[in-house]
Amino acid sequence: MTLPLGVLVSGRGTNLQAILDACLSGKVDARVVFVGSNREGAPAMIRATRAGIQHGEFTPNRFGSRPAAPAPLGGPPRRAGA
């Protein structure tokens, strides 16, 4: 049974790419269904876009404060199937 994954990123996305590659090669029986970031414009989000993966940014600017930013993080990954 393929495991749906939500991946959190904050930088270039090299770890995300390693996960995507492992899923694609069959080394890991999973697929990335959502990518979330705590940084606006994180390059990893470009990787998510190119891979056709749903994604979102959960930043203090968007949600008013640093403590409030991660609060809505649960909804989008669950809706994506993670």
Protein backbone atom coordinates (compact mmCIF):
# COMPACT_ATOMS: atom_id res chain seq x y z
CA MET A 1 0.00 0.00 0.00
CA THR A 2 1.53 3.30 -1.11
CA LEU A 3 1.88 5.78 1.75
CA PRO A 4 0.80 9.38 1.00
CA LEU A 5 3.34 11.83 2.44
CA GLY A 6 3.24 15.45 3.47
CA VAL A 7 6.72 17.02 3.47
CA LEU A 8 7.75 20.19 5.29
CA VAL A 9 10.53 22.26 3.74
CA SER A 10 12.34 25.51 4.43
CA GLY A 11 15.15 25.73 1.93
CA ARG A 12 16.37 24.56 -1.45
CA GLY A 13 14.53 21.26 -1.38
CA THR A 14 17.41 18.82 -1.66
CA ASN A 15 15.83 16.55 0.96
CA LEU A 16 12.49 16.85 -0.81
CA GLN A 17 14.18 15.84 -4.07
CA ALA A 18 15.75 12.82 -2.38
CA ILE A 19 12.31 11.76 -1.13
CA LEU A 20 10.77 12.30 -4.58
CA ASP A 21 13.57 10.28 -6.20
CA ALA A 22 13.18 7.43 -3.68
CA CYS A 23 9.43 7.32 -4.32
CA LEU A 24 9.91 7.36 -8.08
CA SER A 25 12.54 4.62 -8.03
CA GLY A 26 10.41 2.38 -5.83
CA LYS A 27 12.91 2.39 -2.95
CA VAL A 28 10.12 3.86 -0.84
CA ASP A 29 6.51 2.77 -1.32
CA ALA A 30 5.15 6.29 -0.94
CA ARG A 31 4.17 9.36 -2.90
CA VAL A 32 4.41 13.00 -1.87
CA VAL A 33 0.94 14.55 -1.93
CA PHE A 34 1.66 17.87 -0.20
CA VAL A 35 4.63 20.15 0.47
CA GLY A 36 4.46 22.91 3.08
CA SER A 37 6.98 25.63 3.82
CA ASN A 38 7.55 28.10 6.63
CA ARG A 39 9.46 30.39 4.26
CA GLU A 40 8.00 32.53 1.54
CA GLY A 41 9.60 31.80 -1.80
CA ALA A 42 11.57 28.75 -0.64
CA PRO A 43 13.19 27.18 -3.71
CA ALA A 44 11.80 23.81 -2.63
CA MET A 45 8.36 25.08 -3.63
CA ILE A 46 9.57 25.30 -7.22
CA ARG A 47 10.44 21.60 -7.03
CA ALA A 48 6.93 20.89 -5.72
CA THR A 49 5.37 22.90 -8.54
CA ARG A 50 7.45 21.15 -11.20
CA ALA A 51 6.48 17.77 -9.73
CA GLY A 52 2.79 18.71 -9.78
CA ILE A 53 2.45 18.44 -6.00
CA GLN A 54 0.00 20.54 -4.01
CA HIS A 55 1.84 23.00 -1.79
CA GLY A 56 1.41 25.96 0.52
CA GLU A 57 3.37 28.53 2.48
CA PHE A 58 2.62 28.96 6.17
CA THR A 59 4.52 32.13 7.03
CA PRO A 60 4.19 34.70 9.82
CA ASN A 61 3.47 37.40 7.22
CA ARG A 62 0.52 35.45 5.92
CA PHE A 63 -0.94 34.48 9.30
CA GLY A 64 -0.08 37.54 11.41
CA SER A 65 2.49 36.08 13.79
CA ARG A 66 5.12 33.37 14.10
CA PRO A 67 3.04 31.28 16.58
CA ALA A 68 -0.06 31.51 14.37
CA ALA A 69 1.68 30.43 11.14
CA PRO A 70 1.77 26.65 11.72
CA ALA A 71 -1.78 26.46 13.12
CA PRO A 72 -3.53 25.94 9.76
CA LEU A 73 -0.88 23.49 8.54
CA GLY A 74 -2.96 20.41 9.37
CA GLY A 75 -5.83 21.09 6.98
CA PRO A 76 -4.17 21.27 3.55
CA PRO A 77 -2.05 18.11 3.93
CA ARG A 78 -5.08 16.16 5.17
CA ARG A 79 -7.18 17.40 2.27
CA ALA A 80 -4.38 16.32 -0.09
CA GLY A 81 -4.50 12.84 1.44
CA ALA A 82 -1.42 12.89 3.70
